[in-house]
């Protein structure tokens, strides 16, 4: 089991920080899609990466193929943001935003570009806002497709995410009609989780 734990007070503080960050991300996503966005309360868990797929399945109820985008970030706290959605939801999102593609041959590319845009907005806004509370300014790598129409187990393959322990910070964003729901997961390696732990402790002690 992971050795790093958060006290109840630290977990509550991190969830509150994440909640504010997600609000900013939802606002930016609403502008991108020109739609009202609903979002959930953030869930925070520290798990072994080998257990991450099962934990996320429990959090989200997803038991079908997904599309996933990854985007790395780094400061002295570093990690990756994963934006995961049901693959069927991507089609609904594209139809909602642009309507059916004029050329069916371009449909896959349209879906891919839109998912990259959504992931970039969500990850960028959420991570930057959270780390700002810890006086850090992250540098981001470009978003890239981790996989399309794959299982959650494939998302968390050890040869893809070479970490033993991960901080799962999950929140989901949905269109008002629920036809599309994206789950943002922040993953951090063990040393970065320790720094988050220390940053939260310092923040609480300053209050």
N, C-alpha and C. Protein backbone atom coordinates (compact mmCIF):
# COMPACT_ATOMS: atom_id res chain seq x y z
N UNK A 1 0.84 -1.20 0.00
CA UNK A 1 0.00 0.00 0.00
C UNK A 1 0.88 1.26 0.00
N UNK A 2 0.39 2.37 -0.53
CA UNK A 2 1.17 3.60 -0.55
C UNK A 2 1.53 4.06 0.85
N UNK A 3 2.76 4.54 0.99
CA UNK A 3 3.20 5.03 2.30
C UNK A 3 2.75 6.46 2.54
N UNK A 4 2.52 7.20 1.47
CA UNK A 4 2.17 8.61 1.59
C UNK A 4 0.68 8.74 1.88
N UNK A 5 0.37 9.43 2.94
CA UNK A 5 -1.04 9.63 3.28
C UNK A 5 -1.27 11.11 3.57
N UNK A 6 -2.51 11.52 3.39
CA UNK A 6 -2.92 12.87 3.75
C UNK A 6 -3.81 12.77 4.98
N UNK A 7 -3.64 13.71 5.90
CA UNK A 7 -4.57 13.76 7.01
C UNK A 7 -5.93 14.19 6.46
N UNK A 8 -6.96 14.04 7.26
CA UNK A 8 -8.29 14.45 6.81
C UNK A 8 -8.32 15.94 6.51
N UNK A 9 -7.62 16.73 7.33
CA UNK A 9 -7.57 18.18 7.11
C UNK A 9 -6.85 18.51 5.81
N UNK A 10 -5.73 17.80 5.53
CA UNK A 10 -4.99 18.03 4.29
C UNK A 10 -5.81 17.62 3.07
N UNK A 11 -6.52 16.50 3.17
CA UNK A 11 -7.36 16.04 2.07
C UNK A 11 -8.47 17.05 1.79
N UNK A 12 -9.09 17.54 2.85
CA UNK A 12 -10.16 18.54 2.67
C UNK A 12 -9.61 19.80 2.01
N UNK A 13 -8.39 20.21 2.42
CA UNK A 13 -7.77 21.41 1.84
C UNK A 13 -7.48 21.20 0.36
N UNK A 14 -6.94 20.02 0.01
CA UNK A 14 -6.62 19.73 -1.39
C UNK A 14 -7.89 19.67 -2.22
N UNK A 15 -8.94 19.09 -1.68
CA UNK A 15 -10.21 19.04 -2.42
C UNK A 15 -10.79 20.43 -2.63
N UNK A 16 -10.63 21.31 -1.64
CA UNK A 16 -11.13 22.67 -1.79
C UNK A 16 -10.31 23.44 -2.84
N UNK A 17 -8.99 23.27 -2.79
CA UNK A 17 -8.13 23.90 -3.80
C UNK A 17 -8.49 23.39 -5.19
N UNK A 18 -8.68 22.08 -5.29
CA UNK A 18 -9.04 21.48 -6.58
C UNK A 18 -10.41 21.97 -7.04
N UNK A 19 -11.33 22.13 -6.11
CA UNK A 19 -12.68 22.58 -6.46
C UNK A 19 -12.65 23.96 -7.10
N UNK A 20 -11.84 24.86 -6.54
CA UNK A 20 -11.70 26.20 -7.12
C UNK A 20 -11.07 26.12 -8.51
N UNK A 21 -10.07 25.26 -8.65
CA UNK A 21 -9.40 25.10 -9.94
C UNK A 21 -10.35 24.54 -10.99
N UNK A 22 -11.15 23.57 -10.60
CA UNK A 22 -12.08 22.97 -11.54
C UNK A 22 -13.12 23.98 -12.01
N UNK A 23 -13.51 24.88 -11.11
CA UNK A 23 -14.45 25.92 -11.49
C UNK A 23 -13.90 26.79 -12.61
N UNK A 24 -12.61 27.14 -12.50
CA UNK A 24 -11.98 27.92 -13.56
C UNK A 24 -11.92 27.14 -14.86
N UNK A 25 -11.60 25.85 -14.76
CA UNK A 25 -11.52 25.01 -15.95
C UNK A 25 -12.90 24.87 -16.61
N UNK A 26 -13.95 24.72 -15.80
CA UNK A 26 -15.30 24.59 -16.34
C UNK A 26 -15.69 25.85 -17.10
N UNK A 27 -15.30 27.01 -16.56
CA UNK A 27 -15.61 28.27 -17.24
C UNK A 27 -14.93 28.34 -18.60
N UNK A 28 -13.67 27.93 -18.65
CA UNK A 28 -12.94 27.96 -19.93
C UNK A 28 -13.52 26.94 -20.91
N UNK A 29 -13.91 25.77 -20.41
CA UNK A 29 -14.48 24.76 -21.29
C UNK A 29 -15.84 25.21 -21.82
N UNK A 30 -16.61 25.90 -20.99
CA UNK A 30 -17.90 26.43 -21.43
C UNK A 30 -17.72 27.42 -22.58
N UNK A 31 -16.66 28.23 -22.48
CA UNK A 31 -16.38 29.18 -23.57
C UNK A 31 -15.98 28.45 -24.84
N UNK A 32 -15.16 27.41 -24.68
CA UNK A 32 -14.70 26.65 -25.85
C UNK A 32 -15.86 25.99 -26.57
N UNK A 33 -16.77 25.41 -25.80
CA UNK A 33 -17.87 24.63 -26.38
C UNK A 33 -19.15 25.44 -26.53
N UNK A 34 -19.17 26.66 -25.96
CA UNK A 34 -20.37 27.49 -25.96
C UNK A 34 -21.54 26.71 -25.37
N UNK A 35 -21.31 26.15 -24.19
CA UNK A 35 -22.33 25.32 -23.55
C UNK A 35 -22.17 25.39 -22.04
N UNK A 36 -23.25 25.12 -21.32
CA UNK A 36 -23.19 25.06 -19.87
C UNK A 36 -22.51 23.75 -19.45
N UNK A 37 -21.59 23.85 -18.49
CA UNK A 37 -20.83 22.68 -18.05
C UNK A 37 -21.15 22.38 -16.59
N UNK A 38 -21.47 21.14 -16.33
CA UNK A 38 -21.65 20.67 -14.96
C UNK A 38 -20.37 19.99 -14.50
N UNK A 39 -20.03 20.12 -13.23
CA UNK A 39 -18.83 19.44 -12.74
C UNK A 39 -19.11 18.83 -11.37
N UNK A 40 -18.33 17.79 -11.08
CA UNK A 40 -18.50 17.05 -9.84
C UNK A 40 -17.58 17.58 -8.76
N UNK A 41 -17.78 17.10 -7.55
CA UNK A 41 -16.86 17.40 -6.45
C UNK A 41 -15.59 16.57 -6.65
N UNK A 42 -14.40 17.16 -6.53
CA UNK A 42 -13.17 16.39 -6.73
C UNK A 42 -13.04 15.25 -5.71
N UNK A 43 -12.45 14.16 -6.17
CA UNK A 43 -12.16 13.01 -5.31
C UNK A 43 -10.64 12.83 -5.27
N UNK A 44 -10.08 12.68 -4.09
CA UNK A 44 -8.63 12.55 -3.92
C UNK A 44 -8.31 11.20 -3.30
N UNK A 45 -7.43 10.44 -3.96
CA UNK A 45 -6.98 9.16 -3.42
C UNK A 45 -5.52 8.94 -3.80
N UNK A 46 -4.75 8.37 -2.90
CA UNK A 46 -3.39 7.94 -3.21
C UNK A 46 -3.42 6.43 -3.37
N UNK A 47 -3.02 5.94 -4.53
CA UNK A 47 -3.11 4.51 -4.82
C UNK A 47 -1.84 4.02 -5.50
N UNK A 48 -1.65 2.71 -5.49
CA UNK A 48 -0.62 2.12 -6.32
C UNK A 48 -1.11 2.16 -7.76
N UNK A 49 -0.19 2.42 -8.71
CA UNK A 49 -0.58 2.54 -10.11
C UNK A 49 -1.26 1.27 -10.59
N UNK A 50 -0.83 0.12 -10.06
CA UNK A 50 -1.43 -1.15 -10.46
C UNK A 50 -2.91 -1.21 -10.08
N UNK A 51 -3.32 -0.36 -9.14
CA UNK A 51 -4.72 -0.34 -8.69
C UNK A 51 -5.48 0.85 -9.26
N UNK A 52 -4.81 1.68 -10.07
CA UNK A 52 -5.41 2.94 -10.52
C UNK A 52 -6.63 2.71 -11.41
N UNK A 53 -6.55 1.75 -12.31
CA UNK A 53 -7.68 1.51 -13.22
C UNK A 53 -8.91 1.09 -12.44
N UNK A 54 -8.73 0.19 -11.48
CA UNK A 54 -9.86 -0.27 -10.66
C UNK A 54 -10.43 0.87 -9.83
N UNK A 55 -9.53 1.71 -9.29
CA UNK A 55 -9.98 2.84 -8.48
C UNK A 55 -10.77 3.83 -9.33
N UNK A 56 -10.28 4.11 -10.53
CA UNK A 56 -10.97 5.06 -11.40
C UNK A 56 -12.29 4.48 -11.90
N UNK A 57 -12.31 3.19 -12.16
CA UNK A 57 -13.55 2.54 -12.58
C UNK A 57 -14.60 2.67 -11.47
N UNK A 58 -14.15 2.52 -10.23
CA UNK A 58 -15.05 2.66 -9.09
C UNK A 58 -15.55 4.10 -8.96
N UNK A 59 -14.66 5.07 -9.20
CA UNK A 59 -15.03 6.48 -9.10
C UNK A 59 -16.02 6.88 -10.19
N UNK A 60 -15.79 6.39 -11.41
CA UNK A 60 -16.50 6.92 -12.58
C UNK A 60 -17.62 6.04 -13.10
N UNK A 61 -17.57 4.74 -12.77
CA UNK A 61 -18.55 3.82 -13.31
C UNK A 61 -18.29 3.43 -14.75
N UNK A 62 -17.15 3.82 -15.30
CA UNK A 62 -16.83 3.49 -16.68
C UNK A 62 -16.43 2.02 -16.79
N UNK A 63 -17.11 1.30 -17.67
CA UNK A 63 -16.76 -0.09 -17.92
C UNK A 63 -16.90 -0.38 -19.41
N UNK A 64 -16.39 0.54 -20.20
CA UNK A 64 -16.43 0.40 -21.66
C UNK A 64 -15.19 1.08 -22.23
N UNK A 65 -15.06 1.09 -23.54
CA UNK A 65 -13.86 1.67 -24.15
C UNK A 65 -13.81 3.17 -23.92
N UNK A 66 -12.59 3.68 -23.78
CA UNK A 66 -12.38 5.11 -23.52
C UNK A 66 -11.39 5.70 -24.50
N UNK A 67 -11.43 7.00 -24.59
CA UNK A 67 -10.42 7.78 -25.31
C UNK A 67 -9.70 8.61 -24.26
N UNK A 68 -8.38 8.62 -24.33
CA UNK A 68 -7.59 9.29 -23.28
C UNK A 68 -6.51 10.17 -23.89
N UNK A 69 -6.37 11.36 -23.33
CA UNK A 69 -5.33 12.31 -23.72
C UNK A 69 -4.44 12.56 -22.51
N UNK A 70 -3.15 12.62 -22.75
CA UNK A 70 -2.21 12.88 -21.66
C UNK A 70 -1.49 14.19 -21.91
N UNK A 71 -1.13 14.87 -20.83
CA UNK A 71 -0.37 16.11 -20.93
C UNK A 71 0.50 16.25 -19.69
N UNK A 72 1.80 16.30 -19.89
CA UNK A 72 2.73 16.41 -18.78
C UNK A 72 2.87 17.84 -18.29
N UNK A 73 3.21 17.98 -17.02
CA UNK A 73 3.51 19.29 -16.45
C UNK A 73 4.67 19.12 -15.48
N UNK A 74 5.42 20.20 -15.33
CA UNK A 74 6.58 20.09 -14.43
C UNK A 74 6.87 21.43 -13.77
N UNK A 75 7.21 21.33 -12.52
CA UNK A 75 7.84 22.36 -11.70
C UNK A 75 8.69 21.51 -10.78
N UNK A 76 8.85 21.85 -9.50
CA UNK A 76 9.43 20.84 -8.62
C UNK A 76 8.36 19.81 -8.25
N UNK A 77 7.08 20.17 -8.49
CA UNK A 77 5.98 19.21 -8.47
C UNK A 77 5.65 18.90 -9.93
N UNK A 78 5.74 17.64 -10.30
CA UNK A 78 5.52 17.29 -11.70
C UNK A 78 4.63 16.06 -11.81
N UNK A 79 4.08 15.89 -12.98
CA UNK A 79 3.21 14.74 -13.19
C UNK A 79 2.54 14.83 -14.54
N UNK A 80 1.39 14.20 -14.65
CA UNK A 80 0.63 14.21 -15.89
C UNK A 80 -0.84 14.42 -15.59
N UNK A 81 -1.49 15.11 -16.50
CA UNK A 81 -2.93 15.20 -16.47
C UNK A 81 -3.48 14.26 -17.54
N UNK A 82 -4.45 13.45 -17.17
CA UNK A 82 -5.12 12.57 -18.12
C UNK A 82 -6.57 13.02 -18.24
N UNK A 83 -7.04 13.23 -19.45
CA UNK A 83 -8.44 13.50 -19.70
C UNK A 83 -9.02 12.27 -20.38
N UNK A 84 -9.99 11.66 -19.71
CA UNK A 84 -10.53 10.37 -20.15
C UNK A 84 -12.03 10.51 -20.35
N UNK A 85 -12.54 9.97 -21.45
CA UNK A 85 -13.99 9.96 -21.65
C UNK A 85 -14.39 8.68 -22.37
N UNK A 86 -15.64 8.32 -22.26
CA UNK A 86 -16.16 7.20 -23.03
C UNK A 86 -15.99 7.52 -24.51
N UNK A 87 -15.52 6.56 -25.27
CA UNK A 87 -15.28 6.80 -26.70
C UNK A 87 -16.57 7.22 -27.41
N UNK A 88 -17.69 6.65 -27.00
CA UNK A 88 -18.97 7.02 -27.62
C UNK A 88 -19.31 8.48 -27.37
N UNK A 89 -18.83 9.03 -26.25
CA UNK A 89 -19.12 10.42 -25.92
C UNK A 89 -18.43 11.41 -26.83
N UNK A 90 -17.27 11.02 -27.40
CA UNK A 90 -16.54 11.92 -28.29
C UNK A 90 -17.38 12.24 -29.53
N UNK A 91 -18.08 11.23 -30.05
CA UNK A 91 -18.93 11.45 -31.21
C UNK A 91 -20.05 12.43 -30.90
N UNK A 92 -20.64 12.29 -29.71
CA UNK A 92 -21.70 13.22 -29.31
C UNK A 92 -21.16 14.63 -29.19
N UNK A 93 -19.95 14.75 -28.65
CA UNK A 93 -19.35 16.07 -28.47
C UNK A 93 -19.11 16.74 -29.81
N UNK A 94 -18.56 16.02 -30.76
CA UNK A 94 -18.28 16.60 -32.08
C UNK A 94 -19.57 17.02 -32.78
N UNK A 95 -20.60 16.19 -32.68
CA UNK A 95 -21.88 16.53 -33.29
C UNK A 95 -22.48 17.76 -32.63
N UNK A 96 -22.28 17.88 -31.31
CA UNK A 96 -22.81 19.02 -30.56
C UNK A 96 -22.10 20.31 -30.96
N UNK A 97 -20.79 20.24 -31.13
CA UNK A 97 -20.00 21.45 -31.40
C UNK A 97 -20.07 21.86 -32.86
N UNK A 98 -19.84 20.88 -33.75
CA UNK A 98 -19.69 21.22 -35.17
C UNK A 98 -20.78 20.65 -36.06
N UNK A 99 -21.58 19.75 -35.54
CA UNK A 99 -22.50 19.02 -36.41
C UNK A 99 -21.75 17.94 -37.15
N UNK A 100 -22.43 17.11 -37.92
CA UNK A 100 -21.76 16.03 -38.64
C UNK A 100 -20.69 16.57 -39.58
N UNK A 101 -19.57 15.84 -39.67
CA UNK A 101 -18.51 16.26 -40.58
C UNK A 101 -18.99 16.15 -42.03
N UNK A 102 -18.64 17.15 -42.81
CA UNK A 102 -19.04 17.13 -44.21
C UNK A 102 -18.44 15.94 -44.94
N UNK A 103 -17.22 15.61 -44.61
CA UNK A 103 -16.54 14.47 -45.21
C UNK A 103 -16.30 13.43 -44.13
N UNK A 104 -16.98 12.28 -44.20
CA UNK A 104 -16.81 11.23 -43.18
C UNK A 104 -15.36 10.81 -42.99
N UNK A 105 -14.54 10.97 -44.03
CA UNK A 105 -13.14 10.58 -43.93
C UNK A 105 -12.38 11.46 -42.95
N UNK A 106 -12.91 12.67 -42.71
CA UNK A 106 -12.26 13.61 -41.79
C UNK A 106 -12.78 13.49 -40.36
N UNK A 107 -13.77 12.64 -40.14
CA UNK A 107 -14.43 12.60 -38.84
C UNK A 107 -13.49 12.22 -37.71
N UNK A 108 -12.65 11.22 -37.94
CA UNK A 108 -11.71 10.79 -36.89
C UNK A 108 -10.75 11.91 -36.52
N UNK A 109 -10.27 12.64 -37.53
CA UNK A 109 -9.35 13.75 -37.26
C UNK A 109 -10.06 14.87 -36.50
N UNK A 110 -11.32 15.14 -36.85
CA UNK A 110 -12.10 16.18 -36.15
C UNK A 110 -12.25 15.81 -34.67
N UNK A 111 -12.58 14.54 -34.42
CA UNK A 111 -12.76 14.09 -33.05
C UNK A 111 -11.46 14.19 -32.26
N UNK A 112 -10.39 13.80 -32.89
CA UNK A 112 -9.08 13.82 -32.22
C UNK A 112 -8.68 15.24 -31.88
N UNK A 113 -8.83 16.16 -32.80
CA UNK A 113 -8.44 17.55 -32.55
C UNK A 113 -9.29 18.18 -31.46
N UNK A 114 -10.58 17.88 -31.45
CA UNK A 114 -11.45 18.44 -30.43
C UNK A 114 -11.09 17.90 -29.05
N UNK A 115 -10.78 16.60 -28.95
CA UNK A 115 -10.39 16.02 -27.67
C UNK A 115 -9.09 16.64 -27.16
N UNK A 116 -8.14 16.88 -28.07
CA UNK A 116 -6.88 17.53 -27.67
C UNK A 116 -7.15 18.94 -27.15
N UNK A 117 -8.07 19.66 -27.81
CA UNK A 117 -8.41 21.01 -27.37
C UNK A 117 -9.06 20.99 -25.99
N UNK A 118 -10.01 20.06 -25.79
CA UNK A 118 -10.70 19.94 -24.50
C UNK A 118 -9.70 19.60 -23.41
N UNK A 119 -8.83 18.63 -23.69
CA UNK A 119 -7.84 18.21 -22.68
C UNK A 119 -6.89 19.35 -22.34
N UNK A 120 -6.47 20.10 -23.34
CA UNK A 120 -5.54 21.19 -23.11
C UNK A 120 -6.16 22.26 -22.20
N UNK A 121 -7.44 22.56 -22.43
CA UNK A 121 -8.13 23.54 -21.60
C UNK A 121 -8.28 23.04 -20.17
N UNK A 122 -8.76 21.81 -20.01
CA UNK A 122 -8.99 21.28 -18.68
C UNK A 122 -7.70 21.13 -17.89
N UNK A 123 -6.72 20.47 -18.48
CA UNK A 123 -5.47 20.23 -17.76
C UNK A 123 -4.75 21.54 -17.46
N UNK A 124 -4.66 22.40 -18.46
CA UNK A 124 -3.95 23.66 -18.26
C UNK A 124 -4.55 24.49 -17.15
N UNK A 125 -5.87 24.67 -17.18
CA UNK A 125 -6.54 25.51 -16.18
C UNK A 125 -6.46 24.89 -14.79
N UNK A 126 -6.72 23.59 -14.69
CA UNK A 126 -6.76 22.94 -13.38
C UNK A 126 -5.39 22.86 -12.73
N UNK A 127 -4.42 22.37 -13.47
CA UNK A 127 -3.09 22.19 -12.90
C UNK A 127 -2.48 23.54 -12.53
N UNK A 128 -2.58 24.52 -13.43
CA UNK A 128 -2.00 25.83 -13.15
C UNK A 128 -2.63 26.46 -11.92
N UNK A 129 -3.95 26.33 -11.79
CA UNK A 129 -4.64 26.92 -10.65
C UNK A 129 -4.26 26.24 -9.34
N UNK A 130 -4.16 24.91 -9.36
CA UNK A 130 -3.78 24.18 -8.15
C UNK A 130 -2.36 24.51 -7.72
N UNK A 131 -1.43 24.46 -8.67
CA UNK A 131 -0.03 24.71 -8.31
C UNK A 131 0.21 26.17 -7.95
N UNK A 132 -0.62 27.05 -8.47
CA UNK A 132 -0.51 28.47 -8.10
C UNK A 132 -0.72 28.65 -6.60
N UNK A 133 -1.61 27.82 -6.02
CA UNK A 133 -1.84 27.90 -4.57
C UNK A 133 -0.61 27.49 -3.77
N UNK A 134 0.28 26.73 -4.42
CA UNK A 134 1.52 26.29 -3.78
C UNK A 134 2.72 27.13 -4.22
N UNK A 135 2.45 28.29 -4.86
CA UNK A 135 3.50 29.19 -5.34
C UNK A 135 4.39 28.52 -6.39
N UNK A 136 3.81 27.69 -7.22
CA UNK A 136 4.54 27.07 -8.34
C UNK A 136 3.89 27.48 -9.66
N UNK A 137 4.71 27.60 -10.69
CA UNK A 137 4.21 27.86 -12.04
C UNK A 137 4.66 26.73 -12.94
N UNK A 138 3.76 25.87 -13.37
CA UNK A 138 4.17 24.70 -14.15
C UNK A 138 4.46 25.04 -15.61
N UNK A 139 5.29 24.20 -16.20
CA UNK A 139 5.54 24.23 -17.65
C UNK A 139 4.84 22.99 -18.22
N UNK A 140 4.12 23.17 -19.31
CA UNK A 140 3.33 22.07 -19.88
C UNK A 140 3.95 21.55 -21.17
N UNK A 141 3.86 20.25 -21.37
CA UNK A 141 4.17 19.67 -22.68
C UNK A 141 2.90 19.69 -23.51
N UNK A 142 2.99 19.58 -24.83
CA UNK A 142 1.77 19.56 -25.64
C UNK A 142 0.94 18.32 -25.32
N UNK A 143 -0.38 18.41 -25.40
CA UNK A 143 -1.21 17.23 -25.17
C UNK A 143 -1.03 16.22 -26.30
N UNK A 144 -1.17 14.94 -25.98
CA UNK A 144 -1.06 13.89 -27.01
C UNK A 144 -2.05 12.78 -26.70
N UNK A 145 -2.47 12.07 -27.73
CA UNK A 145 -3.40 10.97 -27.54
C UNK A 145 -2.68 9.81 -26.87
N UNK A 146 -3.24 9.36 -25.76
CA UNK A 146 -2.70 8.17 -25.11
C UNK A 146 -3.33 6.93 -25.72
N UNK A 147 -4.59 7.05 -26.14
CA UNK A 147 -5.24 5.92 -26.80
C UNK A 147 -6.67 6.26 -27.16
N UNK A 148 -7.18 5.59 -28.17
CA UNK A 148 -8.57 5.75 -28.60
C UNK A 148 -9.24 4.38 -28.57
N UNK A 149 -10.43 4.33 -28.00
CA UNK A 149 -11.21 3.09 -27.90
C UNK A 149 -10.39 1.99 -27.24
N UNK A 150 -9.86 2.32 -26.05
CA UNK A 150 -9.08 1.37 -25.27
C UNK A 150 -9.76 1.19 -23.91
N UNK A 151 -9.31 0.22 -23.14
CA UNK A 151 -9.89 0.00 -21.81
C UNK A 151 -9.16 0.85 -20.78
N UNK A 152 -9.78 1.05 -19.63
CA UNK A 152 -9.11 1.78 -18.55
C UNK A 152 -7.83 1.06 -18.13
N UNK A 153 -7.83 -0.26 -18.20
CA UNK A 153 -6.63 -1.01 -17.84
C UNK A 153 -5.48 -0.66 -18.77
N UNK A 154 -5.78 -0.42 -20.06
CA UNK A 154 -4.74 -0.05 -21.01
C UNK A 154 -4.20 1.34 -20.74
N UNK A 155 -5.05 2.22 -20.20
CA UNK A 155 -4.61 3.59 -19.88
C UNK A 155 -3.50 3.56 -18.84
N UNK A 156 -3.61 2.65 -17.88
CA UNK A 156 -2.68 2.62 -16.76
C UNK A 156 -1.66 1.49 -16.85
N UNK A 157 -1.25 1.15 -18.07
CA UNK A 157 -0.21 0.14 -18.25
C UNK A 157 1.10 0.63 -17.63
N UNK A 158 1.81 -0.27 -16.96
CA UNK A 158 3.05 0.13 -16.26
C UNK A 158 4.12 0.61 -17.22
N UNK A 159 4.12 0.14 -18.47
CA UNK A 159 5.14 0.59 -19.41
C UNK A 159 4.78 1.95 -20.01
N UNK A 160 3.55 2.42 -19.76
CA UNK A 160 3.12 3.75 -20.22
C UNK A 160 3.30 4.78 -19.12
N UNK A 161 2.87 4.43 -17.93
CA UNK A 161 2.99 5.31 -16.76
C UNK A 161 3.90 4.62 -15.76
N UNK A 162 5.16 4.93 -15.82
CA UNK A 162 6.17 4.18 -15.05
C UNK A 162 6.29 4.68 -13.62
N UNK A 163 5.18 4.68 -12.89
CA UNK A 163 5.18 5.09 -11.50
C UNK A 163 4.59 3.97 -10.66
N UNK A 164 5.06 3.84 -9.43
CA UNK A 164 4.53 2.82 -8.54
C UNK A 164 3.35 3.34 -7.73
N UNK A 165 3.40 4.63 -7.40
CA UNK A 165 2.36 5.25 -6.59
C UNK A 165 1.85 6.48 -7.33
N UNK A 166 0.56 6.74 -7.23
CA UNK A 166 0.00 7.89 -7.92
C UNK A 166 -1.03 8.58 -7.05
N UNK A 167 -1.07 9.89 -7.14
CA UNK A 167 -2.14 10.67 -6.54
C UNK A 167 -3.23 10.77 -7.59
N UNK A 168 -4.38 10.18 -7.32
CA UNK A 168 -5.52 10.29 -8.22
C UNK A 168 -6.39 11.44 -7.72
N UNK A 169 -6.42 12.49 -8.49
CA UNK A 169 -7.30 13.61 -8.19
C UNK A 169 -8.28 13.68 -9.35
N UNK A 170 -9.50 13.21 -9.12
CA UNK A 170 -10.45 13.04 -10.22
C UNK A 170 -11.63 13.98 -10.08
N UNK A 171 -12.01 14.57 -11.21
CA UNK A 171 -13.24 15.36 -11.28
C UNK A 171 -13.81 15.14 -12.66
N UNK A 172 -15.12 15.24 -12.80
CA UNK A 172 -15.67 15.08 -14.13
C UNK A 172 -16.50 16.28 -14.55
N UNK A 173 -16.42 16.56 -15.84
CA UNK A 173 -17.09 17.69 -16.47
C UNK A 173 -18.08 17.13 -17.48
N UNK A 174 -19.28 17.65 -17.49
CA UNK A 174 -20.30 17.11 -18.39
C UNK A 174 -21.09 18.21 -19.06
N UNK A 175 -21.50 17.95 -20.31
CA UNK A 175 -22.49 18.80 -20.94
C UNK A 175 -23.80 18.67 -20.17
N UNK A 176 -24.62 19.69 -20.24
CA UNK A 176 -25.85 19.71 -19.45
C UNK A 176 -26.75 18.52 -19.75
N UNK A 177 -26.74 18.05 -21.02
CA UNK A 177 -27.61 16.91 -21.36
C UNK A 177 -26.94 15.57 -21.10
N UNK A 178 -25.71 15.61 -20.53
CA UNK A 178 -24.97 14.39 -20.13
C UNK A 178 -24.53 13.54 -21.32
N UNK A 179 -24.61 14.06 -22.55
CA UNK A 179 -24.20 13.26 -23.71
C UNK A 179 -22.69 13.12 -23.79
N UNK A 180 -21.97 14.00 -23.11
CA UNK A 180 -20.51 13.92 -23.07
C UNK A 180 -20.05 14.21 -21.65
N UNK A 181 -19.18 13.36 -21.15
CA UNK A 181 -18.61 13.54 -19.81
C UNK A 181 -17.12 13.23 -19.88
N UNK A 182 -16.30 14.17 -19.44
CA UNK A 182 -14.85 13.99 -19.43
C UNK A 182 -14.35 13.94 -18.00
N UNK A 183 -13.45 13.03 -17.73
CA UNK A 183 -12.88 12.87 -16.40
C UNK A 183 -11.42 13.33 -16.44
N UNK A 184 -11.09 14.28 -15.61
CA UNK A 184 -9.71 14.75 -15.51
C UNK A 184 -9.06 14.08 -14.30
N UNK A 185 -7.93 13.45 -14.53
CA UNK A 185 -7.19 12.78 -13.47
C UNK A 185 -5.78 13.37 -13.45
N UNK A 186 -5.34 13.85 -12.29
CA UNK A 186 -3.96 14.30 -12.14
C UNK A 186 -3.15 13.18 -11.51
N UNK A 187 -2.08 12.79 -12.18
CA UNK A 187 -1.19 11.75 -11.66
C UNK A 187 0.15 12.38 -11.32
N UNK A 188 0.66 12.06 -10.14
CA UNK A 188 1.96 12.58 -9.72
C UNK A 188 2.78 11.44 -9.14
N UNK A 189 4.07 11.47 -9.41
CA UNK A 189 4.97 10.47 -8.87
C UNK A 189 5.17 10.69 -7.37
N UNK A 190 5.78 9.70 -6.72
CA UNK A 190 5.85 9.69 -5.27
C UNK A 190 6.54 10.92 -4.69
N UNK A 191 7.65 11.35 -5.29
CA UNK A 191 8.36 12.52 -4.74
C UNK A 191 7.51 13.79 -4.87
N UNK A 192 6.73 13.89 -5.95
CA UNK A 192 5.88 15.06 -6.11
C UNK A 192 4.70 15.03 -5.15
N UNK A 193 4.19 13.83 -4.86
CA UNK A 193 3.10 13.73 -3.88
C UNK A 193 3.60 14.20 -2.51
N UNK A 194 4.83 13.86 -2.18
CA UNK A 194 5.40 14.33 -0.91
C UNK A 194 5.47 15.85 -0.88
N UNK A 195 5.85 16.45 -2.02
CA UNK A 195 5.94 17.91 -2.07
C UNK A 195 4.56 18.54 -1.95
N UNK A 196 3.55 17.92 -2.54
CA UNK A 196 2.18 18.41 -2.38
C UNK A 196 1.78 18.33 -0.92
N UNK A 197 2.11 17.21 -0.29
CA UNK A 197 1.82 17.02 1.13
C UNK A 197 2.45 18.13 1.96
N UNK A 198 3.73 18.41 1.69
CA UNK A 198 4.45 19.45 2.43
C UNK A 198 3.87 20.84 2.15
N UNK A 199 3.47 21.08 0.87
CA UNK A 199 2.93 22.39 0.51
C UNK A 199 1.60 22.64 1.20
N UNK A 200 0.77 21.60 1.27
CA UNK A 200 -0.51 21.75 1.95
C UNK A 200 -0.31 22.00 3.44
N UNK A 201 0.63 21.26 4.04
CA UNK A 201 0.92 21.45 5.47
C UNK A 201 1.38 22.88 5.73
N UNK A 202 2.24 23.41 4.84
CA UNK A 202 2.72 24.78 5.01
C UNK A 202 1.59 25.78 4.83
N UNK A 203 0.70 25.51 3.88
CA UNK A 203 -0.43 26.40 3.64
C UNK A 203 -1.36 26.43 4.84
N UNK A 204 -1.62 25.26 5.41
CA UNK A 204 -2.51 25.20 6.57
C UNK A 204 -1.90 25.86 7.79
N UNK A 205 -0.58 25.72 7.94
CA UNK A 205 0.07 26.32 9.12
C UNK A 205 0.12 27.83 9.06
N UNK A 206 -0.02 28.37 7.82
CA UNK A 206 0.04 29.82 7.66
C UNK A 206 -1.31 30.49 7.90
N UNK A 207 -2.36 29.68 8.02
CA UNK A 207 -3.72 30.23 8.19
C UNK A 207 -3.95 30.69 9.62
